[in-house]
Amino acid sequence: MVLSLLLLAATEVPEYLASEGSMEQTLTFLGLAIFLILLNGFFVAAEFSLVKVRISRIEQLARDGKAFAGTAKWLAKRLDESLSACQLGITMASLALGWVGEPAFAKLVEPVLSWFGIVDPKVIHALGFVTAFTAITGLHLVVGEQFPKIFAIRRPEKILLWCALPLKFFYVLLYPFLTVLNVVTSYLLRLVGIHEAAEHEGVNTEEEIRALLREAHIHGNLSRNEHSLINNVFEFDDMIVRRVMLPRGEVDFFDVNEPLSVFRDLVRRTMHTRYPVCDRSLDKVLGVVHIKDLLNVSQDDQAFDVRTIMRPPRKVPETMPISRVLRHFQATHQLMAFVIDEYGTITGMVTLENVLERIVGEVDDEFDTAEPNIVPEEAGQFLVVGTTPLDEARQRMGVPLQESEDADTISGLLTEFRQSLLSQGDVIELEGAIAEVLEMKHESATLVRFKIDKTLA
């Protein structure tokens, strides 16, 4: 637009306006200039609505029978050609506006300049051009560019439905010319190494989807629970079983060498649904017993052998994604599996509850009496269980604990950071916090006090 006006300034005014034409003729071309500005705005709005709208949404509107949705879908399916039509319309309208608009506006300014006593034709022409240039540029930018562009970005579906029918007519009318333009454009794109010019609606990455979810939550379109649930689903496939398992030191099991009375006492104390059956330790797992099977055993059966009611044990590697563990449970119909490391040693146990809690959060049944992993003591100070997962600690305490490939818990991270076994009373400075080991069990920290210190961040 600006270029066309600058070129026009170096040329003579069109003949029909340079003459002593009537005011009616001037107003006619002034109206034509306003029409061209609006036409430019139409093509700008159509272009940005095509780029912004998602094809899946247009297809849904077409299925719902929305007026002009079928035409909008037709245009969206031919996105390259439709955008070429919009660009061609914008170019034609801008060039025509530069040829018609400036002289028309300048003609209106001449009487005003004469009223102020300016009669020199050169001065009138110069001032008329400057005034007309400013007026048309402002109208073109606001009415022909900015307003339709922003409106189309914020209401792409509505704008595209409004513009669909006339844009399709323009598209069909100039189809041969558009074909030539697209061939030339595709050739130029291939010269710079771009071979797929038809895909304008890119697929959002996971981070982009998360950003959209955060924005939806901030604006109230997603509740806190919905936002948390969807985020957990994204993290679900990235989580490995080692990070959700119950460590072997916390596993309650039936020793095959013990009598039935010992099993019943263990059940009364722990109230679990399933128990591993082992030969003295988890290094020799024989099977799994369901509590329902144990209920059918008589208390007076002195010759009872737990191996007669156990099911075969299932094992999974500690690096298996928990999404695959879930499919493993579905396929085997056994909701407990033993976790083994790369050397074949059992390092813990995982259940369906451990897996599902990564999506829906903590799920405690009627017999769960576990204390929370993190308990606030006072401002900036927390008591943390040593087996607390690192991601939970980061979220609850707001401390940027370093990432680790080997450590999954607070105790493991402290051991890795210290580069030696922990002892009760150890004080360790971390990024943003000071950790003090309060209790130990089996060379592992079971209780740690965290003091948040922003000066260490």
Protein backbone atom coordinates (compact mmCIF):
# COMPACT_ATOMS: atom_id res chain seq x y z
CA MET A 1 0.00 0.00 0.00
CA VAL A 2 2.69 2.49 1.01
CA LEU A 3 4.82 1.50 -1.98
CA SER A 4 1.93 2.09 -4.37
CA LEU A 5 1.33 5.57 -2.95
CA LEU A 6 5.01 6.48 -3.18
CA LEU A 7 5.09 5.36 -6.80
CA LEU A 8 1.96 7.40 -7.45
CA ALA A 9 3.58 10.52 -6.03
CA ALA A 10 6.18 10.42 -8.77
CA THR A 11 3.55 10.24 -11.50
CA GLU A 12 0.81 12.53 -12.69
CA VAL A 13 -2.65 12.40 -11.14
CA PRO A 14 -5.11 10.20 -13.11
CA GLU A 15 -6.64 12.16 -15.96
CA TYR A 16 -10.22 11.98 -14.72
CA LEU A 17 -9.20 13.66 -11.45
CA ALA A 18 -6.60 16.08 -12.80
CA SER A 19 -9.24 17.75 -14.83
CA GLU A 20 -11.83 20.13 -13.50
CA GLY A 21 -14.22 17.25 -12.75
CA SER A 22 -17.36 17.60 -10.77
CA MET A 23 -17.59 17.01 -7.01
CA GLU A 24 -20.00 14.13 -7.70
CA GLN A 25 -17.28 12.38 -9.69
CA THR A 26 -14.77 12.94 -6.88
CA LEU A 27 -17.17 11.55 -4.31
CA THR A 28 -17.78 8.53 -6.51
CA PHE A 29 -14.12 7.65 -6.52
CA LEU A 30 -13.87 8.48 -2.84
CA GLY A 31 -16.58 5.88 -2.24
CA LEU A 32 -14.63 3.47 -4.43
CA ALA A 33 -11.55 4.04 -2.24
CA ILE A 34 -13.54 3.26 0.91
CA PHE A 35 -14.91 0.13 -0.77
CA LEU A 36 -11.37 -0.99 -1.64
CA ILE A 37 -10.28 -0.51 2.00
CA LEU A 38 -13.17 -2.68 3.14
CA LEU A 39 -12.37 -5.23 0.43
CA ASN A 40 -8.77 -5.34 1.62
CA GLY A 41 -10.05 -5.93 5.17
CA PHE A 42 -12.24 -8.77 3.91
CA PHE A 43 -9.29 -10.64 2.37
CA VAL A 44 -7.10 -9.99 5.44
CA ALA A 45 -9.81 -11.38 7.74
CA ALA A 46 -10.31 -14.41 5.48
CA GLU A 47 -6.57 -15.11 5.39
CA PHE A 48 -6.02 -14.99 9.14
CA SER A 49 -9.17 -16.98 9.92
CA LEU A 50 -7.97 -19.71 7.53
CA VAL A 51 -4.58 -19.84 9.22
CA LYS A 52 -5.92 -19.67 12.77
CA VAL A 53 -8.91 -22.03 12.61
CA ARG A 54 -8.43 -25.75 13.21
CA ILE A 55 -9.72 -28.03 10.48
CA SER A 56 -11.15 -30.46 13.06
CA ARG A 57 -13.40 -27.71 14.39
CA ILE A 58 -14.64 -26.78 10.90
CA GLU A 59 -15.39 -30.45 10.20
CA GLN A 60 -17.43 -30.60 13.39
CA LEU A 61 -19.42 -27.50 12.37
CA ALA A 62 -20.05 -29.09 8.96
CA ARG A 63 -21.35 -32.27 10.64
CA ASP A 64 -23.63 -30.11 12.78
CA GLY A 65 -25.08 -28.52 9.63
CA LYS A 66 -23.81 -24.98 10.37
CA ALA A 67 -24.47 -22.54 7.50
CA PHE A 68 -21.49 -22.18 5.12
CA ALA A 69 -19.45 -24.69 7.17
CA GLY A 70 -19.24 -26.99 4.16
CA THR A 71 -17.80 -24.17 2.03
CA ALA A 72 -15.37 -23.27 4.82
CA LYS A 73 -14.25 -26.90 4.99
CA TRP A 74 -13.77 -26.92 1.21
CA LEU A 75 -11.49 -23.87 1.47
CA ALA A 76 -9.58 -25.23 4.48
CA LYS A 77 -8.87 -28.49 2.63
CA ARG A 78 -7.27 -26.39 -0.16
CA LEU A 79 -5.35 -24.16 2.21
CA ASP A 80 -2.45 -23.20 -0.08
CA GLU A 81 -4.74 -22.18 -2.91
CA SER A 82 -7.15 -20.37 -0.55
CA LEU A 83 -4.31 -18.36 0.99
CA SER A 84 -3.06 -17.51 -2.48
CA ALA A 85 -6.53 -16.21 -3.33
CA CYS A 86 -6.50 -14.04 -0.19
CA GLN A 87 -3.04 -12.67 -0.99
CA LEU A 88 -4.05 -11.93 -4.56
CA GLY A 89 -7.17 -10.11 -3.36
CA ILE A 90 -5.14 -8.06 -0.85
CA THR A 91 -2.59 -7.10 -3.50
CA MET A 92 -5.21 -6.10 -6.07
CA ALA A 93 -7.21 -4.07 -3.54
CA SER A 94 -4.09 -2.28 -2.22
CA LEU A 95 -2.82 -1.38 -5.70
CA ALA A 96 -6.24 -0.14 -6.79
CA LEU A 97 -6.57 1.86 -3.58
CA GLY A 98 -3.23 3.54 -4.18
CA TRP A 99 -4.26 4.50 -7.70
CA VAL A 100 -7.75 5.78 -6.82
CA GLY A 101 -7.63 6.83 -3.17
CA GLU A 102 -4.85 9.40 -3.04
CA PRO A 103 -6.12 11.59 -5.89
CA ALA A 104 -9.69 11.38 -4.57
CA PHE A 105 -8.66 12.49 -1.09
CA ALA A 106 -6.33 15.14 -2.54
CA LYS A 107 -9.19 16.57 -4.62
CA LEU A 108 -11.23 17.01 -1.42
CA VAL A 109 -8.35 18.85 0.26
CA GLU A 110 -7.91 21.44 -2.52
CA PRO A 111 -10.93 23.63 -1.53
CA VAL A 112 -9.75 23.70 2.05
CA LEU A 113 -6.25 24.83 1.00
CA SER A 114 -7.75 27.49 -1.29
CA TRP A 115 -9.88 28.78 1.60
CA PHE A 116 -6.61 29.34 3.53
CA GLY A 117 -5.24 31.34 0.60
CA ILE A 118 -2.95 28.68 -0.83
CA VAL A 119 -3.26 28.87 -4.60
CA ASP A 120 0.12 27.69 -5.90
CA PRO A 121 -0.63 24.45 -7.82
CA LYS A 122 2.67 22.85 -6.77
CA VAL A 123 2.06 23.59 -3.08
CA ILE A 124 -1.52 22.40 -3.33
CA HIS A 125 -0.43 19.20 -5.00
CA ALA A 126 2.31 18.55 -2.39
CA LEU A 127 0.12 19.30 0.63
CA GLY A 128 -2.78 17.39 -0.92
CA PHE A 129 -0.59 14.37 -1.43
CA VAL A 130 0.76 14.43 2.15
CA THR A 131 -2.74 14.81 3.62
CA ALA A 132 -4.23 12.12 1.41
CA PHE A 133 -1.28 9.79 2.03
CA THR A 134 -1.69 10.13 5.80
CA ALA A 135 -5.47 9.67 5.72
CA ILE A 136 -5.44 6.64 3.43
CA THR A 137 -2.51 5.00 5.24
CA GLY A 138 -4.31 5.37 8.57
CA LEU A 139 -7.58 4.00 7.21
CA HIS A 140 -5.80 1.19 5.40
CA LEU A 141 -3.83 0.12 8.48
CA VAL A 142 -6.74 0.32 10.93
CA VAL A 143 -9.77 -0.67 8.86
CA GLY A 144 -8.07 -2.70 6.15
CA GLU A 145 -5.41 -4.50 8.24
CA GLN A 146 -5.36 -4.33 12.04
CA PHE A 147 -9.05 -4.54 12.86
CA PRO A 148 -9.90 -7.50 10.56
CA LYS A 149 -6.65 -9.28 11.50
CA ILE A 150 -7.24 -9.12 15.26
CA PHE A 151 -10.95 -9.91 14.87
CA ALA A 152 -10.12 -12.99 12.76
CA ILE A 153 -7.50 -14.21 15.25
CA ARG A 154 -9.95 -13.98 18.14
CA ARG A 155 -13.02 -15.28 16.28
CA PRO A 156 -11.60 -17.45 13.47
CA GLU A 157 -14.57 -19.79 13.10
CA LYS A 158 -17.15 -17.00 12.87
CA ILE A 159 -15.07 -14.93 10.42
CA LEU A 160 -14.34 -17.90 8.15
CA LEU A 161 -18.04 -18.78 7.95
CA TRP A 162 -18.83 -15.17 7.00
CA CYS A 163 -16.12 -15.04 4.35
CA ALA A 164 -16.46 -18.57 2.96
CA LEU A 165 -18.95 -18.05 0.13
CA PRO A 166 -17.51 -14.87 -1.49
CA LEU A 167 -13.97 -16.18 -1.04
CA LYS A 168 -14.86 -19.43 -2.81
CA PHE A 169 -16.41 -17.43 -5.68
CA PHE A 170 -13.21 -15.37 -5.98
CA TYR A 171 -11.14 -18.57 -5.76
CA VAL A 172 -13.06 -20.26 -8.62
CA LEU A 173 -13.07 -17.10 -10.74
CA LEU A 174 -9.28 -16.73 -10.66
CA TYR A 175 -8.38 -20.42 -10.34
CA PRO A 176 -6.11 -20.58 -13.45
CA PHE A 177 -4.07 -17.60 -12.26
CA LEU A 178 -3.87 -19.03 -8.72
CA THR A 179 -2.59 -22.34 -10.12
CA VAL A 180 0.28 -20.56 -11.84
CA LEU A 181 1.10 -18.65 -8.65
CA ASN A 182 1.15 -21.84 -6.58
CA VAL A 183 3.40 -23.65 -9.05
CA VAL A 184 5.91 -20.80 -8.94
CA THR A 185 5.68 -20.62 -5.14
CA SER A 186 6.23 -24.38 -4.77
CA TYR A 187 9.25 -24.19 -7.06
CA LEU A 188 10.80 -21.42 -4.97
CA LEU A 189 10.13 -23.38 -1.77
CA ARG A 190 11.86 -26.44 -3.20
CA LEU A 191 14.88 -24.28 -4.01
CA VAL A 192 15.30 -23.52 -0.30
CA GLY A 193 14.69 -27.12 0.77
CA ILE A 194 11.00 -26.97 1.74
CA HIS A 195 9.06 -29.73 0.00
CA GLU A 196 5.84 -29.88 2.04
CA ALA A 197 4.07 -26.59 1.50
CA ALA A 198 0.54 -27.88 2.05
CA GLU A 199 0.68 -28.52 5.78
CA HIS A 200 -0.16 -25.27 7.56
CA GLU A 201 -1.93 -26.70 10.59
CA GLY A 202 1.03 -28.06 12.51
CA VAL A 203 0.62 -30.65 15.24
CA ASN A 204 1.07 -29.23 18.73
CA THR A 205 3.93 -30.62 20.79
CA GLU A 206 3.43 -31.84 24.34
CA GLU A 207 4.88 -28.64 25.77
CA GLU A 208 2.57 -26.53 23.60
CA ILE A 209 -0.44 -28.53 24.77
CA ARG A 210 0.65 -28.11 28.38
CA ALA A 211 0.94 -24.36 27.82
CA LEU A 212 -2.59 -24.30 26.37
CA LEU A 213 -3.84 -26.24 29.38
CA ARG A 214 -2.18 -23.79 31.78
CA GLU A 215 -3.79 -20.89 29.95
CA ALA A 216 -7.18 -22.62 30.02
CA HIS A 217 -6.79 -23.20 33.77
CA ILE A 218 -5.80 -19.57 34.41
CA HIS A 219 -8.86 -18.33 32.53
CA GLY A 220 -11.18 -20.70 34.39
CA ASN A 221 -11.95 -23.10 31.53
CA LEU A 222 -10.33 -25.99 33.42
CA SER A 223 -10.68 -26.64 37.13
CA ARG A 224 -7.64 -27.37 39.28
CA ASN A 225 -8.53 -31.07 39.41
CA GLU A 226 -9.01 -31.29 35.64
CA HIS A 227 -5.73 -29.52 35.00
CA SER A 228 -3.86 -31.78 37.42
CA LEU A 229 -5.44 -34.93 36.00
CA ILE A 230 -4.53 -34.11 32.39
CA ASN A 231 -0.97 -33.18 33.37
CA ASN A 232 -0.62 -36.51 35.18
CA VAL A 233 -1.73 -38.33 32.04
CA PHE A 234 1.08 -36.65 30.09
CA GLU A 235 3.62 -37.72 32.70
CA PHE A 236 2.18 -41.24 32.93
CA ASP A 237 3.98 -42.67 29.90
CA ASP A 238 7.31 -41.05 30.89
CA MET A 239 7.32 -42.59 34.37
CA ILE A 240 9.20 -45.87 34.91
CA VAL A 241 8.18 -48.53 37.40
CA ARG A 242 11.21 -47.96 39.64
CA ARG A 243 9.81 -44.55 40.58
CA VAL A 244 6.45 -45.89 41.79
CA MET A 245 7.33 -49.29 43.28
CA LEU A 246 7.28 -50.25 46.96
CA PRO A 247 10.94 -50.81 47.98
CA ARG A 248 11.79 -54.36 48.98
CA GLY A 249 12.53 -53.28 52.55
CA GLU A 250 8.86 -52.30 52.99
CA VAL A 251 7.34 -55.43 51.46
CA ASP A 252 5.43 -57.76 53.81
CA PHE A 253 5.59 -61.40 52.70
CA PHE A 254 4.71 -64.94 53.76
CA ASP A 255 7.69 -67.13 54.58
CA VAL A 256 6.92 -70.60 53.28
CA ASN A 257 8.69 -72.08 56.32
CA GLU A 258 6.27 -70.46 58.78
CA PRO A 259 2.98 -72.00 60.04
CA LEU A 260 -0.52 -70.78 59.15
CA SER A 261 -0.90 -68.90 62.44
CA VAL A 262 2.02 -66.61 61.56
CA PHE A 263 0.39 -65.79 58.22
CA ARG A 264 -2.89 -64.88 59.91
CA ASP A 265 -1.11 -62.65 62.44
CA LEU A 266 0.68 -60.85 59.61
CA VAL A 267 -2.64 -60.31 57.80
CA ARG A 268 -4.24 -58.85 60.94
CA ARG A 269 -1.36 -56.37 61.36
CA THR A 270 -0.93 -55.25 57.77
CA MET A 271 -4.40 -55.73 56.19
CA HIS A 272 -3.16 -56.17 52.61
CA THR A 273 -5.05 -57.92 49.82
CA ARG A 274 -2.12 -59.86 48.32
CA TYR A 275 1.09 -61.24 49.82
CA PRO A 276 4.25 -62.55 48.19
CA VAL A 277 5.26 -66.08 49.18
CA CYS A 278 9.03 -66.38 49.68
CA ASP A 279 11.62 -68.78 50.99
CA ARG A 280 13.03 -66.68 53.85
CA SER A 281 13.59 -63.50 51.74
CA LEU A 282 12.53 -61.72 48.59
CA ASP A 283 15.57 -63.19 46.85
CA LYS A 284 13.53 -66.41 46.54
CA VAL A 285 10.00 -65.47 45.52
CA LEU A 286 7.77 -68.51 44.98
CA GLY A 287 4.40 -66.96 44.26
CA VAL A 288 1.56 -64.67 45.37
CA VAL A 289 -1.36 -65.42 47.70
CA HIS A 290 -4.68 -63.56 47.63
CA ILE A 291 -6.35 -63.03 51.00
CA LYS A 292 -9.58 -64.57 49.69
CA ASP A 293 -7.77 -67.90 49.14
CA LEU A 294 -6.47 -67.83 52.70
CA LEU A 295 -9.98 -67.37 54.11
CA ASN A 296 -10.96 -70.82 52.82
CA VAL A 297 -8.23 -72.52 54.83
CA SER A 298 -9.25 -74.05 58.16
CA GLN A 299 -7.46 -72.72 61.22
CA ASP A 300 -6.94 -76.27 62.48
CA ASP A 301 -5.17 -77.44 59.32
CA GLN A 302 -1.73 -78.22 60.76
CA ALA A 303 -0.50 -79.72 57.50
CA PHE A 304 -1.37 -76.63 55.47
CA ASP A 305 1.15 -75.71 52.77
CA VAL A 306 0.82 -72.15 51.45
CA ARG A 307 2.20 -73.28 48.09
CA THR A 308 -1.09 -75.06 47.37
CA ILE A 309 -3.01 -71.78 47.08
CA MET A 310 -0.39 -69.41 45.64
CA ARG A 311 -0.29 -68.14 42.09
CA PRO A 312 2.88 -67.84 39.99
CA PRO A 313 4.84 -64.60 40.50
CA ARG A 314 5.03 -61.97 37.75
CA LYS A 315 8.16 -59.90 37.25
CA VAL A 316 8.83 -56.66 35.38
CA PRO A 317 12.08 -54.73 34.81
CA GLU A 318 12.52 -51.57 36.86
CA THR A 319 12.95 -49.48 33.71
CA MET A 320 9.58 -50.48 32.19
CA PRO A 321 7.19 -47.51 31.67
CA ILE A 322 4.22 -47.76 34.00
CA SER A 323 1.88 -47.51 31.02
CA ARG A 324 3.20 -50.92 29.93
CA VAL A 325 2.91 -52.22 33.49
CA LEU A 326 -0.77 -51.29 33.38
CA ARG A 327 -1.20 -53.28 30.16
CA HIS A 328 0.71 -56.14 31.83
CA PHE A 329 -1.80 -56.20 34.68
CA GLN A 330 -4.69 -56.15 32.21
CA ALA A 331 -3.23 -59.06 30.23
CA THR A 332 -2.23 -61.32 33.13
CA HIS A 333 -5.20 -60.52 35.44
CA GLN A 334 -2.70 -60.34 38.33
CA LEU A 335 -2.48 -56.92 39.94
CA MET A 336 0.91 -57.38 41.62
CA ALA A 337 4.35 -57.74 40.04
CA PHE A 338 7.91 -57.93 41.35
CA VAL A 339 10.42 -55.38 40.10
CA ILE A 340 13.87 -56.62 39.11
CA ASP A 341 17.02 -54.68 38.24
CA GLU A 342 19.47 -55.36 35.43
CA TYR A 343 21.13 -58.12 37.46
CA GLY A 344 17.88 -59.99 38.10
CA THR A 345 17.66 -58.97 41.77
CA ILE A 346 14.24 -58.09 43.14
CA THR A 347 14.30 -54.45 44.20
CA GLY A 348 10.65 -53.98 45.10
CA MET A 349 7.03 -54.63 44.26
CA VAL A 350 4.42 -52.76 42.23
CA THR A 351 0.62 -53.00 42.33
CA LEU A 352 -2.23 -51.58 40.30
CA GLU A 353 -2.78 -49.00 43.04
CA ASN A 354 0.80 -47.71 42.69
CA VAL A 355 0.29 -47.24 38.95
CA LEU A 356 -3.14 -45.57 39.05
CA GLU A 357 -2.08 -43.16 41.79
CA ARG A 358 0.26 -41.51 39.28
CA ILE A 359 -2.86 -40.29 37.45
CA VAL A 360 -5.56 -39.74 40.05
CA GLY A 361 -3.40 -39.05 43.11
CA GLU A 362 -3.30 -40.89 46.41
CA VAL A 363 -6.01 -43.55 46.83
CA ASP A 364 -6.26 -44.88 50.39
CA ASP A 365 -8.63 -47.69 51.29
CA GLU A 366 -10.35 -48.30 54.65
CA PHE A 367 -7.22 -49.88 56.13
CA ASP A 368 -4.55 -47.46 54.93
CA THR A 369 -3.07 -45.58 57.88
CA ALA A 370 0.05 -44.17 56.25
CA GLU A 371 1.14 -40.73 57.37
CA PRO A 372 1.66 -37.99 54.73
CA ASN A 373 5.12 -37.87 53.16
CA ILE A 374 5.58 -34.15 53.82
CA VAL A 375 4.43 -32.37 56.98
CA PRO A 376 4.91 -28.59 57.40
CA GLU A 377 6.45 -27.68 60.76
CA GLU A 378 6.58 -23.92 60.44
CA ALA A 379 7.16 -21.31 57.76
CA GLY A 380 9.84 -22.61 55.41
CA GLN A 381 10.41 -25.87 57.31
CA PHE A 382 9.15 -29.41 56.57
CA LEU A 383 9.45 -32.94 57.91
CA VAL A 384 9.91 -35.26 54.93
CA VAL A 385 9.79 -39.06 54.80
CA GLY A 386 12.96 -40.42 53.18
CA THR A 387 11.05 -42.45 50.58
CA THR A 388 9.20 -39.38 49.27
CA PRO A 389 9.49 -39.18 45.45
CA LEU A 390 11.55 -36.24 44.22
CA ASP A 391 8.79 -34.82 42.01
CA GLU A 392 6.38 -34.76 44.97
CA ALA A 393 8.98 -32.99 47.12
CA ARG A 394 9.62 -30.37 44.44
CA GLN A 395 5.92 -29.65 44.07
CA ARG A 396 5.02 -29.56 47.77
CA MET A 397 8.05 -27.63 49.07
CA GLY A 398 8.80 -25.46 46.03
CA VAL A 399 12.46 -26.45 46.06
CA PRO A 400 14.27 -26.99 42.72
CA LEU A 401 15.85 -30.30 43.70
CA GLN A 402 18.31 -31.43 41.06
CA GLU A 403 17.34 -34.09 38.54
CA SER A 404 18.98 -37.50 38.96
CA GLU A 405 19.06 -40.64 36.83
CA ASP A 406 19.96 -42.86 39.78
CA ALA A 407 17.98 -41.37 42.68
CA ASP A 408 14.18 -41.43 42.84
CA THR A 409 13.62 -40.48 46.49
CA ILE A 410 14.80 -37.87 48.97
CA SER A 411 17.03 -40.42 50.72
CA GLY A 412 18.59 -41.49 47.43
CA LEU A 413 19.22 -37.89 46.39
CA LEU A 414 20.92 -37.05 49.70
CA THR A 415 23.11 -40.15 49.43
CA GLU A 416 24.07 -39.24 45.87
CA PHE A 417 24.76 -35.63 46.82
CA ARG A 418 26.93 -36.62 49.79
CA GLN A 419 28.77 -39.33 47.82
CA SER A 420 28.78 -41.57 50.90
CA LEU A 421 26.40 -43.41 53.22
CA LEU A 422 24.24 -41.19 55.36
CA SER A 423 24.34 -40.97 59.13
CA GLN A 424 21.86 -39.61 61.62
CA GLY A 425 22.55 -35.92 62.20
CA ASP A 426 24.08 -35.25 58.79
CA VAL A 427 23.39 -31.74 57.47
CA ILE A 428 23.48 -31.32 53.68
CA GLU A 429 23.17 -28.09 51.72
CA LEU A 430 21.08 -28.45 48.56
CA GLU A 431 19.92 -25.94 45.99
CA GLY A 432 17.44 -23.77 47.88
CA ALA A 433 17.33 -25.83 51.09
CA ILE A 434 19.26 -27.36 53.98
CA ALA A 435 18.48 -31.02 54.78
CA GLU A 436 19.07 -32.57 58.20
CA VAL A 437 18.85 -36.38 58.60
CA LEU A 438 16.75 -37.12 61.70
CA GLU A 439 16.18 -40.90 61.49
CA MET A 440 17.91 -43.81 59.75
CA LYS A 441 16.99 -47.43 58.98
CA HIS A 442 19.06 -49.95 57.04
CA GLU A 443 21.57 -47.29 55.86
CA SER A 444 18.69 -45.20 54.45
CA ALA A 445 17.27 -41.92 55.73
CA THR A 446 13.69 -42.42 56.92
CA LEU A 447 12.99 -38.88 58.18
CA VAL A 448 14.58 -35.61 57.03
CA ARG A 449 13.98 -32.02 58.08
CA PHE A 450 14.10 -29.48 55.25
CA LYS A 451 14.70 -25.79 55.88
CA ILE A 452 14.03 -23.66 52.84
CA ASP A 453 16.87 -21.19 52.24
CA LYS A 454 16.39 -19.02 49.13
CA THR A 455 19.97 -17.72 49.46
CA LEU A 456 21.21 -21.15 48.36
CA ALA A 457 19.10 -21.14 45.18
